[in-house]
C-alpha atoms as a PDB file:
ATOM      1  CA  MET A   1      -9.108  14.182   9.286  1.00  0.00           C
ATOM      2  CA  ILE A   2      -6.660  16.282  11.308  1.00  0.00           C
ATOM      3  CA  ASN A   3      -8.879  19.323  10.640  1.00  0.00           C
ATOM      4  CA  ILE A   4     -11.734  17.676  12.534  1.00  0.00           C
ATOM      5  CA  LEU A   5      -9.514  16.908  15.532  1.00  0.00           C
ATOM      6  CA  LEU A   6      -8.247  20.496  15.549  1.00  0.00           C
ATOM      7  CA  ILE A   7     -11.819  21.752  15.785  1.00  0.00           C
ATOM      8  CA  PHE A   8     -12.166  20.000  19.148  1.00  0.00           C
ATOM      9  CA  VAL A   9      -8.759  21.309  20.264  1.00  0.00           C
ATOM     10  CA  TYR A  10      -9.822  24.906  19.542  1.00  0.00           C
ATOM     11  CA  LEU A  11     -13.175  24.368  21.259  1.00  0.00           C
ATOM     12  CA  LEU A  12     -11.484  23.003  24.393  1.00  0.00           C
ATOM     13  CA  LEU A  13      -9.003  25.895  24.333  1.00  0.00           C
ATOM     14  CA  GLY A  14     -11.900  28.358  24.368  1.00  0.00           C
ATOM     15  CA  ILE A  15     -13.503  26.539  27.299  1.00  0.00           C
ATOM     16  CA  ALA A  16     -10.173  26.526  29.169  1.00  0.00           C
ATOM     17  CA  LEU A  17      -9.749  30.280  28.655  1.00  0.00           C
ATOM     18  CA  GLN A  18     -12.955  30.841  30.636  1.00  0.00           C
ATOM     19  CA  TYR A  19     -10.948  29.865  33.728  1.00  0.00           C
ATOM     20  CA  VAL A  20      -7.950  32.131  33.026  1.00  0.00           C
ATOM     21  CA  LYS A  21      -8.472  35.136  35.295  1.00  0.00           C
ATOM     22  CA  TRP A  22      -6.459  37.620  33.245  1.00  0.00           C
ATOM     23  CA  PHE A  23      -8.253  36.699  29.990  1.00  0.00           C
ATOM     24  CA  PRO A  24     -11.199  39.102  29.335  1.00  0.00           C
ATOM     25  CA  SER A  25     -14.532  37.288  29.678  1.00  0.00           C
ATOM     26  CA  ASP A  26     -16.090  39.274  26.827  1.00  0.00           C
ATOM     27  CA  SER A  27     -13.163  38.815  24.412  1.00  0.00           C
ATOM     28  CA  TYR A  28     -15.378  36.618  22.223  1.00  0.00           C
ATOM     29  CA  LYS A  29     -17.111  39.787  21.007  1.00  0.00           C
ATOM     30  CA  LEU A  30     -13.901  41.097  19.456  1.00  0.00           C
ATOM     31  CA  ILE A  31     -13.106  37.675  18.011  1.00  0.00           C
ATOM     32  CA  ASN A  32     -16.575  37.514  16.458  1.00  0.00           C
ATOM     33  CA  LYS A  33     -16.118  40.893  14.778  1.00  0.00           C
ATOM     34  CA  PHE A  34     -12.786  39.813  13.267  1.00  0.00           C
ATOM     35  CA  VAL A  35     -14.327  36.595  11.947  1.00  0.00           C
ATOM     36  CA  VAL A  36     -17.363  38.349  10.450  1.00  0.00           C
ATOM     37  CA  TYR A  37     -15.626  41.378   8.976  1.00  0.00           C
ATOM     38  CA  ILE A  38     -12.277  39.884   7.916  1.00  0.00           C
ATOM     39  CA  CYS A  39     -12.203  36.077   7.648  1.00  0.00           C
ATOM     40  CA  LEU A  40     -15.556  35.471   5.976  1.00  0.00           C
ATOM     41  CA  PRO A  41     -15.139  38.145   3.251  1.00  0.00           C
ATOM     42  CA  ALA A  42     -11.661  36.795   2.497  1.00  0.00           C
ATOM     43  CA  LEU A  43     -13.089  33.323   1.829  1.00  0.00           C
ATOM     44  CA  ALA A  44     -15.677  34.703  -0.584  1.00  0.00           C
ATOM     45  CA  LEU A  45     -13.050  36.621  -2.547  1.00  0.00           C
ATOM     46  CA  TYR A  46     -10.868  33.523  -2.752  1.00  0.00           C
ATOM     47  CA  TYR A  47     -13.377  30.820  -3.722  1.00  0.00           C
ATOM     48  CA  ILE A  48     -16.258  32.365  -5.672  1.00  0.00           C
ATOM     49  CA  PRO A  49     -14.302  33.662  -8.712  1.00  0.00           C
ATOM     50  CA  LYS A  50     -13.267  30.026  -9.316  1.00  0.00           C
ATOM     51  CA  VAL A  51     -16.810  28.577  -9.556  1.00  0.00           C
ATOM     52  CA  HIS A  52     -17.954  27.232 -12.972  1.00  0.00           C
ATOM     53  CA  TRP A  53     -21.729  27.106 -13.547  1.00  0.00           C
ATOM     54  CA  ASP A  54     -23.805  24.064 -14.542  1.00  0.00           C
ATOM     55  CA  ASN A  55     -27.581  23.632 -14.066  1.00  0.00           C
ATOM     56  CA  GLN A  56     -27.009  20.303 -12.295  1.00  0.00           C
ATOM     57  CA  LEU A  57     -25.281  22.278  -9.567  1.00  0.00           C
ATOM     58  CA  LEU A  58     -28.697  23.432  -8.375  1.00  0.00           C
ATOM     59  CA  TYR A  59     -28.968  20.163  -6.441  1.00  0.00           C
ATOM     60  CA  LEU A  60     -25.889  21.197  -4.465  1.00  0.00           C
ATOM     61  CA  ILE A  61     -26.700  24.881  -4.131  1.00  0.00           C
ATOM     62  CA  GLY A  62     -30.294  24.133  -3.122  1.00  0.00           C
ATOM     63  CA  VAL A  63     -29.293  22.219   0.021  1.00  0.00           C
ATOM     64  CA  THR A  64     -29.015  25.245   2.304  1.00  0.00           C
ATOM     65  CA  TRP A  65     -31.695  27.353   0.608  1.00  0.00           C
ATOM     66  CA  ILE A  66     -34.243  24.576   1.142  1.00  0.00           C
ATOM     67  CA  GLY A  67     -33.053  23.729   4.654  1.00  0.00           C
ATOM     68  CA  PHE A  68     -33.064  27.341   5.844  1.00  0.00           C
ATOM     69  CA  THR A  69     -36.466  28.123   4.300  1.00  0.00           C
ATOM     70  CA  LEU A  70     -38.055  25.091   5.963  1.00  0.00           C
ATOM     71  CA  ALA A  71     -36.416  26.030   9.279  1.00  0.00           C
ATOM     72  CA  PHE A  72     -37.925  29.498   9.039  1.00  0.00           C
ATOM     73  CA  PHE A  73     -41.485  28.253   8.560  1.00  0.00           C
ATOM     74  CA  LEU A  74     -41.168  25.372  11.054  1.00  0.00           C
ATOM     75  CA  PHE A  75     -39.754  27.351  13.984  1.00  0.00           C
ATOM     76  CA  ARG A  76     -41.956  30.334  13.230  1.00  0.00           C
ATOM     77  CA  PHE A  77     -44.987  28.009  13.433  1.00  0.00           C
ATOM     78  CA  LEU A  78     -43.762  26.316  16.626  1.00  0.00           C
ATOM     79  CA  GLY A  79     -42.928  29.679  18.172  1.00  0.00           C
ATOM     80  CA  LYS A  80     -46.460  30.958  17.628  1.00  0.00           C
ATOM     81  CA  LYS A  81     -48.065  27.709  18.786  1.00  0.00           C
ATOM     82  CA  TYR A  82     -46.082  27.407  22.028  1.00  0.00           C
ATOM     83  CA  GLY A  83     -45.491  31.084  22.782  1.00  0.00           C
ATOM     84  CA  TRP A  84     -41.709  31.049  22.331  1.00  0.00           C
ATOM     85  CA  SER A  85     -39.870  34.358  22.506  1.00  0.00           C
ATOM     86  CA  LYS A  86     -38.749  36.064  19.313  1.00  0.00           C
ATOM     87  CA  LYS A  87     -35.116  35.636  20.327  1.00  0.00           C
ATOM     88  CA  LEU A  88     -35.548  31.889  20.763  1.00  0.00           C
ATOM     89  CA  VAL A  89     -37.273  31.511  17.401  1.00  0.00           C
ATOM     90  CA  GLY A  90     -34.623  33.599  15.656  1.00  0.00           C
ATOM     91  CA  CYS A  91     -31.834  31.606  17.284  1.00  0.00           C
ATOM     92  CA  LEU A  92     -33.293  28.260  16.181  1.00  0.00           C
ATOM     93  CA  ILE A  93     -33.968  29.419  12.623  1.00  0.00           C
ATOM     94  CA  ILE A  94     -30.388  30.608  12.150  1.00  0.00           C
ATOM     95  CA  THR A  95     -28.478  27.883  13.991  1.00  0.00           C
ATOM     96  CA  ALA A  96     -30.621  24.930  12.880  1.00  0.00           C
ATOM     97  CA  GLY A  97     -31.112  26.297   9.378  1.00  0.00           C
ATOM     98  CA  LEU A  98     -27.411  26.619   8.502  1.00  0.00           C
ATOM     99  CA  GLY A  99     -24.966  23.714   8.399  1.00  0.00           C
ATOM    100  CA  ASN A 100     -21.193  23.656   8.768  1.00  0.00           C
ATOM    101  CA  THR A 101     -20.700  22.851   5.090  1.00  0.00           C
ATOM    102  CA  SER A 102     -17.125  24.126   4.893  1.00  0.00           C
ATOM    103  CA  PHE A 103     -14.880  23.542   7.903  1.00  0.00           C
ATOM    104  CA  LEU A 104     -16.563  20.305   8.866  1.00  0.00           C
ATOM    105  CA  GLY A 105     -18.028  19.596   5.459  1.00  0.00           C
ATOM    106  CA  TYR A 106     -14.856  19.938   3.394  1.00  0.00           C
ATOM    107  CA  PRO A 107     -12.644  17.488   5.320  1.00  0.00           C
ATOM    108  CA  ILE A 108     -15.456  14.973   5.857  1.00  0.00           C
ATOM    109  CA  VAL A 109     -16.542  14.983   2.203  1.00  0.00           C
ATOM    110  CA  HIS A 110     -12.923  14.770   1.062  1.00  0.00           C
ATOM    111  CA  ALA A 111     -12.348  11.785   3.342  1.00  0.00           C
ATOM    112  CA  LEU A 112     -15.490  10.010   2.115  1.00  0.00           C
ATOM    113  CA  TYR A 113     -15.629  10.938  -1.584  1.00  0.00           C
ATOM    114  CA  GLY A 114     -12.195  12.238  -2.563  1.00  0.00           C
ATOM    115  CA  SER A 115     -11.238  15.345  -4.551  1.00  0.00           C
ATOM    116  CA  GLU A 116     -14.266  15.143  -6.863  1.00  0.00           C
ATOM    117  CA  GLY A 117     -16.559  15.211  -3.870  1.00  0.00           C
ATOM    118  CA  LEU A 118     -14.659  18.157  -2.384  1.00  0.00           C
ATOM    119  CA  LYS A 119     -15.253  20.240  -5.546  1.00  0.00           C
ATOM    120  CA  MET A 120     -18.975  19.631  -5.129  1.00  0.00           C
ATOM    121  CA  ALA A 121     -18.862  20.451  -1.410  1.00  0.00           C
ATOM    122  CA  ILE A 122     -17.472  23.910  -2.232  1.00  0.00           C
ATOM    123  CA  LEU A 123     -20.569  24.556  -4.349  1.00  0.00           C
ATOM    124  CA  VAL A 124     -22.869  23.576  -1.496  1.00  0.00           C
ATOM    125  CA  ASP A 125     -21.008  26.028   0.710  1.00  0.00           C
ATOM    126  CA  GLN A 126     -20.246  29.136  -1.334  1.00  0.00           C
ATOM    127  CA  PRO A 127     -23.312  29.852  -3.549  1.00  0.00           C
ATOM    128  CA  GLY A 128     -25.482  28.057  -0.989  1.00  0.00           C
ATOM    129  CA  THR A 129     -24.612  28.352   2.702  1.00  0.00           C
ATOM    130  CA  PHE A 130     -22.457  31.467   2.391  1.00  0.00           C
ATOM    131  CA  VAL A 131     -25.067  33.453   0.436  1.00  0.00           C
ATOM    132  CA  VAL A 132     -27.913  32.386   2.747  1.00  0.00           C
ATOM    133  CA  LEU A 133     -25.810  33.439   5.740  1.00  0.00           C
ATOM    134  CA  SER A 134     -25.057  36.819   4.171  1.00  0.00           C
ATOM    135  CA  THR A 135     -28.648  37.572   3.126  1.00  0.00           C
ATOM    136  CA  LEU A 136     -31.566  35.606   4.608  1.00  0.00           C
ATOM    137  CA  ALA A 137     -29.860  34.910   7.931  1.00  0.00           C
ATOM    138  CA  VAL A 138     -28.963  38.589   8.367  1.00  0.00           C
ATOM    139  CA  VAL A 139     -32.604  39.506   7.668  1.00  0.00           C
ATOM    140  CA  VAL A 140     -33.825  36.966  10.255  1.00  0.00           C
ATOM    141  CA  ALA A 141     -31.269  38.210  12.790  1.00  0.00           C
ATOM    142  CA  ALA A 142     -32.528  41.774  12.340  1.00  0.00           C
ATOM    143  CA  LEU A 143     -36.205  40.775  12.474  1.00  0.00           C
ATOM    144  CA  TYR A 144     -35.920  38.696  15.638  1.00  0.00           C
ATOM    145  CA  SER A 145     -33.519  40.907  17.605  1.00  0.00           C
ATOM    146  CA  LYS A 146     -34.266  44.202  19.329  1.00  0.00           C
ATOM    147  CA  GLU A 147     -33.102  46.187  16.339  1.00  0.00           C
ATOM    148  CA  ALA A 148     -35.465  48.347  14.303  1.00  0.00           C
ATOM    149  CA  THR A 149     -37.111  46.175  11.663  1.00  0.00           C
ATOM    150  CA  SER A 150     -38.274  48.555   8.962  1.00  0.00           C
ATOM    151  CA  GLY A 151     -37.809  47.206   5.448  1.00  0.00           C
ATOM    152  CA  ALA A 152     -35.390  49.946   4.495  1.00  0.00           C
ATOM    153  CA  LYS A 153     -33.172  49.348   7.517  1.00  0.00           C
ATOM    154  CA  ILE A 154     -33.064  45.594   6.921  1.00  0.00           C
ATOM    155  CA  VAL A 155     -32.149  46.065   3.261  1.00  0.00           C
ATOM    156  CA  LYS A 156     -29.468  48.556   4.284  1.00  0.00           C
ATOM    157  CA  LYS A 157     -28.107  46.095   6.867  1.00  0.00           C
ATOM    158  CA  VAL A 158     -27.835  43.324   4.275  1.00  0.00           C
ATOM    159  CA  MET A 159     -26.311  45.561   1.604  1.00  0.00           C
ATOM    160  CA  LEU A 160     -23.722  46.935   4.039  1.00  0.00           C
ATOM    161  CA  PHE A 161     -22.869  43.529   5.522  1.00  0.00           C
ATOM    162  CA  PRO A 162     -19.153  43.166   4.622  1.00  0.00           C
ATOM    163  CA  PRO A 163     -19.330  39.476   3.627  1.00  0.00           C
ATOM    164  CA  PHE A 164     -22.232  40.277   1.294  1.00  0.00           C
ATOM    165  CA  ILE A 165     -20.354  43.169  -0.302  1.00  0.00           C
ATOM    166  CA  CYS A 166     -17.388  40.887  -0.885  1.00  0.00           C
ATOM    167  CA  PHE A 167     -19.697  38.187  -2.230  1.00  0.00           C
ATOM    168  CA  LEU A 168     -21.078  40.600  -4.824  1.00  0.00           C
ATOM    169  CA  THR A 169     -17.536  41.654  -5.736  1.00  0.00           C
ATOM    170  CA  ALA A 170     -16.527  38.008  -6.124  1.00  0.00           C
ATOM    171  CA  VAL A 171     -19.597  37.212  -8.267  1.00  0.00           C
ATOM    172  CA  PHE A 172     -18.820  40.183 -10.497  1.00  0.00           C
ATOM    173  CA  ALA A 173     -15.259  38.875 -10.867  1.00  0.00           C
ATOM    174  CA  ASN A 174     -16.622  35.423 -11.716  1.00  0.00           C
ATOM    175  CA  VAL A 175     -18.921  36.812 -14.429  1.00  0.00           C
ATOM    176  CA  LEU A 176     -15.980  38.682 -15.968  1.00  0.00           C
ATOM    177  CA  ASN A 177     -13.840  35.525 -15.730  1.00  0.00           C
ATOM    178  CA  PHE A 178     -11.429  37.469 -13.565  1.00  0.00           C
ATOM    179  CA  ASP A 179      -9.450  36.217 -10.585  1.00  0.00           C
ATOM    180  CA  PHE A 180      -7.284  38.194  -8.208  1.00  0.00           C
ATOM    181  CA  HIS A 181      -3.504  38.375  -8.367  1.00  0.00           C
ATOM    182  CA  ASP A 182      -1.635  35.556  -6.641  1.00  0.00           C
ATOM    183  CA  TYR A 183      -0.529  37.869  -3.837  1.00  0.00           C
ATOM    184  CA  PHE A 184      -4.134  38.795  -3.058  1.00  0.00           C
ATOM    185  CA  GLN A 185      -5.230  35.166  -3.263  1.00  0.00           C
ATOM    186  CA  LEU A 186      -2.528  34.202  -0.788  1.00  0.00           C
ATOM    187  CA  ALA A 187      -3.709  36.925   1.593  1.00  0.00           C
ATOM    188  CA  PHE A 188      -7.360  35.868   1.223  1.00  0.00           C
ATOM    189  CA  ARG A 189      -6.482  32.226   1.868  1.00  0.00           C
ATOM    190  CA  LYS A 190      -4.382  33.040   4.940  1.00  0.00           C
ATOM    191  CA  LEU A 191      -7.040  35.292   6.437  1.00  0.00           C
ATOM    192  CA  GLY A 192      -9.774  32.763   5.668  1.00  0.00           C
ATOM    193  CA  SER A 193      -7.770  30.004   7.343  1.00  0.00           C
ATOM    194  CA  LEU A 194      -8.131  31.852  10.673  1.00  0.00           C
ATOM    195  CA  LEU A 195     -11.904  31.400  10.661  1.00  0.00           C
ATOM    196  CA  THR A 196     -12.055  27.914  12.163  1.00  0.00           C
ATOM    197  CA  PRO A 197      -9.636  28.388  15.100  1.00  0.00           C
ATOM    198  CA  LEU A 198     -10.990  31.824  16.015  1.00  0.00           C
ATOM    199  CA  ALA A 199     -14.637  30.844  15.646  1.00  0.00           C
ATOM    200  CA  MET A 200     -14.274  27.655  17.690  1.00  0.00           C
ATOM    201  CA  ILE A 201     -12.331  29.479  20.438  1.00  0.00           C
ATOM    202  CA  SER A 202     -15.142  32.038  20.515  1.00  0.00           C
ATOM    203  CA  VAL A 203     -17.740  29.278  20.850  1.00  0.00           C
ATOM    204  CA  GLY A 204     -15.695  27.676  23.643  1.00  0.00           C
ATOM    205  CA  LEU A 205     -15.520  30.987  25.505  1.00  0.00           C
ATOM    206  CA  GLN A 206     -19.335  31.140  25.502  1.00  0.00           C
ATOM    207  CA  LEU A 207     -20.101  27.473  26.148  1.00  0.00           C
ATOM    208  CA  HIS A 208     -21.471  26.586  29.586  1.00  0.00           C
ATOM    209  CA  PHE A 209     -22.472  23.086  30.683  1.00  0.00           C
ATOM    210  CA  ASP A 210     -25.392  23.802  32.985  1.00  0.00           C
ATOM    211  CA  SER A 211     -27.541  20.721  33.637  1.00  0.00           C
ATOM    212  CA  ARG A 212     -30.359  22.960  34.876  1.00  0.00           C
ATOM    213  CA  SER A 213     -30.314  25.166  31.793  1.00  0.00           C
ATOM    214  CA  GLN A 214     -33.699  25.964  30.280  1.00  0.00           C
ATOM    215  CA  HIS A 215     -32.153  25.542  26.827  1.00  0.00           C
ATOM    216  CA  TRP A 216     -31.757  21.735  26.804  1.00  0.00           C
ATOM    217  CA  LYS A 217     -35.179  21.034  25.290  1.00  0.00           C
ATOM    218  CA  PHE A 218     -34.659  23.599  22.557  1.00  0.00           C
ATOM    219  CA  LEU A 219     -31.128  22.333  21.922  1.00  0.00           C
ATOM    220  CA  TRP A 220     -32.402  18.845  21.077  1.00  0.00           C
ATOM    221  CA  ILE A 221     -35.256  20.235  18.980  1.00  0.00           C
ATOM    222  CA  GLY A 222     -32.780  22.308  16.962  1.00  0.00           C
ATOM    223  CA  LEU A 223     -30.316  19.443  16.569  1.00  0.00           C
ATOM    224  CA  ALA A 224     -33.074  17.008  15.576  1.00  0.00           C
ATOM    225  CA  TYR A 225     -34.076  19.352  12.783  1.00  0.00           C
ATOM    226  CA  LYS A 226     -30.527  19.982  11.598  1.00  0.00           C
ATOM    227  CA  LEU A 227     -29.074  16.472  11.841  1.00  0.00           C
ATOM    228  CA  LEU A 228     -32.096  14.289  11.048  1.00  0.00           C
ATOM    229  CA  ILE A 229     -35.083  16.140   9.591  1.00  0.00           C
ATOM    230  CA  THR A 230     -33.239  18.301   7.041  1.00  0.00           C
ATOM    231  CA  PRO A 231     -31.306  15.443   5.383  1.00  0.00           C
ATOM    232  CA  ALA A 232     -34.429  13.223   5.534  1.00  0.00           C
ATOM    233  CA  LEU A 233     -36.534  15.814   3.699  1.00  0.00           C
ATOM    234  CA  LEU A 234     -33.836  16.376   1.070  1.00  0.00           C
ATOM    235  CA  PHE A 235     -33.467  12.598   0.650  1.00  0.00           C
ATOM    236  CA  LEU A 236     -37.211  12.411   0.033  1.00  0.00           C
ATOM    237  CA  LEU A 237     -37.041  15.263  -2.502  1.00  0.00           C
ATOM    238  CA  TYR A 238     -33.858  14.363  -4.370  1.00  0.00           C
ATOM    239  CA  VAL A 239     -33.887  10.557  -4.287  1.00  0.00           C
ATOM    240  CA  VAL A 240     -37.515   9.478  -3.882  1.00  0.00           C
ATOM    241  CA  ILE A 241     -39.371  12.209  -5.783  1.00  0.00           C
ATOM    242  CA  LEU A 242     -36.828  13.462  -8.347  1.00  0.00           C
ATOM    243  CA  LYS A 243     -35.140  10.036  -8.768  1.00  0.00           C
ATOM    244  CA  GLN A 244     -31.617  11.465  -8.559  1.00  0.00           C
ATOM    245  CA  HIS A 245     -28.604   9.298  -7.744  1.00  0.00           C
ATOM    246  CA  GLY A 246     -24.823   9.383  -7.912  1.00  0.00           C
ATOM    247  CA  LEU A 247     -21.915  11.201  -6.305  1.00  0.00           C
ATOM    248  CA  MET A 248     -23.447  14.682  -6.540  1.00  0.00           C
ATOM    249  CA  ILE A 249     -26.550  13.623  -4.610  1.00  0.00           C
ATOM    250  CA  GLN A 250     -24.490  11.776  -2.011  1.00  0.00           C
ATOM    251  CA  VAL A 251     -22.351  14.863  -1.393  1.00  0.00           C
ATOM    252  CA  ALA A 252     -25.436  17.094  -1.246  1.00  0.00           C
ATOM    253  CA  LEU A 253     -27.126  14.905   1.363  1.00  0.00           C
ATOM    254  CA  ILE A 254     -24.009  14.429   3.502  1.00  0.00           C
ATOM    255  CA  GLU A 255     -23.557  18.212   3.520  1.00  0.00           C
ATOM    256  CA  ALA A 256     -27.231  18.596   4.480  1.00  0.00           C
ATOM    257  CA  ALA A 257     -26.529  16.437   7.547  1.00  0.00           C
ATOM    258  CA  MET A 258     -23.603  18.531   8.831  1.00  0.00           C
ATOM    259  CA  ALA A 259     -23.614  20.023  12.322  1.00  0.00           C
ATOM    260  CA  PRO A 260     -24.807  23.633  12.810  1.00  0.00           C
ATOM    261  CA  MET A 261     -22.605  26.321  11.264  1.00  0.00           C
ATOM    262  CA  ILE A 262     -20.087  28.097  13.489  1.00  0.00           C
ATOM    263  CA  MET A 263     -20.752  31.433  11.783  1.00  0.00           C
ATOM    264  CA  ALA A 264     -24.493  30.979  12.338  1.00  0.00           C
ATOM    265  CA  SER A 265     -23.847  30.807  16.070  1.00  0.00           C
ATOM    266  CA  ILE A 266     -21.695  33.934  15.893  1.00  0.00           C
ATOM    267  CA  LEU A 267     -24.328  35.809  13.863  1.00  0.00           C
ATOM    268  CA  ALA A 268     -27.077  34.874  16.331  1.00  0.00           C
ATOM    269  CA  THR A 269     -24.888  35.763  19.314  1.00  0.00           C
ATOM    270  CA  SER A 270     -23.886  39.140  17.859  1.00  0.00           C
ATOM    271  CA  HIS A 271     -27.593  40.010  17.605  1.00  0.00           C
ATOM    272  CA  GLY A 272     -28.401  38.868  21.139  1.00  0.00           C
ATOM    273  CA  LEU A 273     -30.390  35.815  20.007  1.00  0.00           C
ATOM    274  CA  LYS A 274     -29.953  33.419  22.938  1.00  0.00           C
ATOM    275  CA  PRO A 275     -26.113  33.374  22.972  1.00  0.00           C
ATOM    276  CA  ARG A 276     -25.867  30.363  25.294  1.00  0.00           C
ATOM    277  CA  LEU A 277     -28.219  28.257  23.185  1.00  0.00           C
ATOM    278  CA  SER A 278     -26.339  29.380  20.065  1.00  0.00           C
ATOM    279  CA  SER A 279     -23.075  28.147  21.582  1.00  0.00           C
ATOM    280  CA  MET A 280     -24.661  24.888  22.751  1.00  0.00           C
ATOM    281  CA  MET A 281     -25.889  24.185  19.217  1.00  0.00           C
ATOM    282  CA  ILE A 282     -22.241  24.190  18.117  1.00  0.00           C
ATOM    283  CA  GLY A 283     -20.620  22.665  21.196  1.00  0.00           C
ATOM    284  CA  PHE A 284     -22.996  19.693  21.317  1.00  0.00           C
ATOM    285  CA  GLY A 285     -23.981  19.622  17.653  1.00  0.00           C
ATOM    286  CA  ILE A 286     -20.493  18.867  16.344  1.00  0.00           C
ATOM    287  CA  PRO A 287     -19.817  15.702  18.402  1.00  0.00           C
ATOM    288  CA  VAL A 288     -23.405  14.418  18.005  1.00  0.00           C
ATOM    289  CA  SER A 289     -23.196  14.948  14.234  1.00  0.00           C
ATOM    290  CA  PHE A 290     -20.461  12.333  13.888  1.00  0.00           C
ATOM    291  CA  VAL A 291     -22.961   9.687  14.974  1.00  0.00           C
ATOM    292  CA  THR A 292     -25.725  10.922  12.668  1.00  0.00           C
ATOM    293  CA  LEU A 293     -23.305  11.408   9.761  1.00  0.00           C
ATOM    294  CA  ALA A 294     -22.259   7.755  10.053  1.00  0.00           C
ATOM    295  CA  PHE A 295     -25.928   6.795   9.823  1.00  0.00           C
ATOM    296  CA  TRP A 296     -26.539   8.922   6.717  1.00  0.00           C
ATOM    297  CA  TYR A 297     -23.364   7.671   5.051  1.00  0.00           C
ATOM    298  CA  LEU A 298     -24.567   4.087   5.434  1.00  0.00           C
ATOM    299  CA  VAL A 299     -27.996   5.019   4.070  1.00  0.00           C
ATOM    300  CA  LEU A 300     -26.455   6.745   1.025  1.00  0.00           C
ATOM    301  CA  GLU A 301     -24.263   3.767   0.232  1.00  0.00           C
ATOM    302  CA  TYR A 302     -27.408   1.920  -0.838  1.00  0.00           C
ATOM    303  CA  ILE A 303     -28.933   4.514  -3.195  1.00  0.00           C
END
């Protein structure tokens, strides 16, 4: 569980750097670009060629697709009903719709369910969370930001998004049963390993604890959806309706209950979608999720 402790260390380091006068206050922008354009593509090229397909894996892959789709319709509805700004709606869709299924999910699942569970967690993350981030989330970010929103421009933005290009390359390699040379794999793994420290430092640099902030209400709405409503709906679908049980379903539901995704916050921030709220979703979501994850783990022990 050392990885989980390190996440808090990196977050606190980012917060501390806010008070270092010689450290540029907008340095998080450069960090975000490195994470998006270097670290994330490296992870896709490392993991995806190693995935082996099975129809049962749809229960794992479907976690994020279902969660993100429901987030889109829910927050879009609430935004229209209560007159929320487009930026607020876009921020909540992206940050509440995507879970931290890798850098929180991997160590937590491994601790709870061992190496077999970890293999399943990778399938929740790569064909699920990663692809949704690289496609649907990019579309939402473009639609709800100030950018031009013509269909052609959105398609172009998705197709030219470096992580998506690398995802397609990795899928092509998987179909051909091809994996990269060991030297390339080492490079991909090393670059990918920088994602968590850099992303959490970036979040820390943007995190502000303002008790009078107008974002508190929306923070708890977003976290309620991500940490409680999403896993509850998937529990209803997978366990109650489809009568599914076993390790795969337990891993799927624990991953569904993970805190908001670090990269989701970075994507929202890079498009100007309520950067402070985006950072708060991570900064508060991670510690709160340990309480809700304990609850869901106890629930799943009885299915």
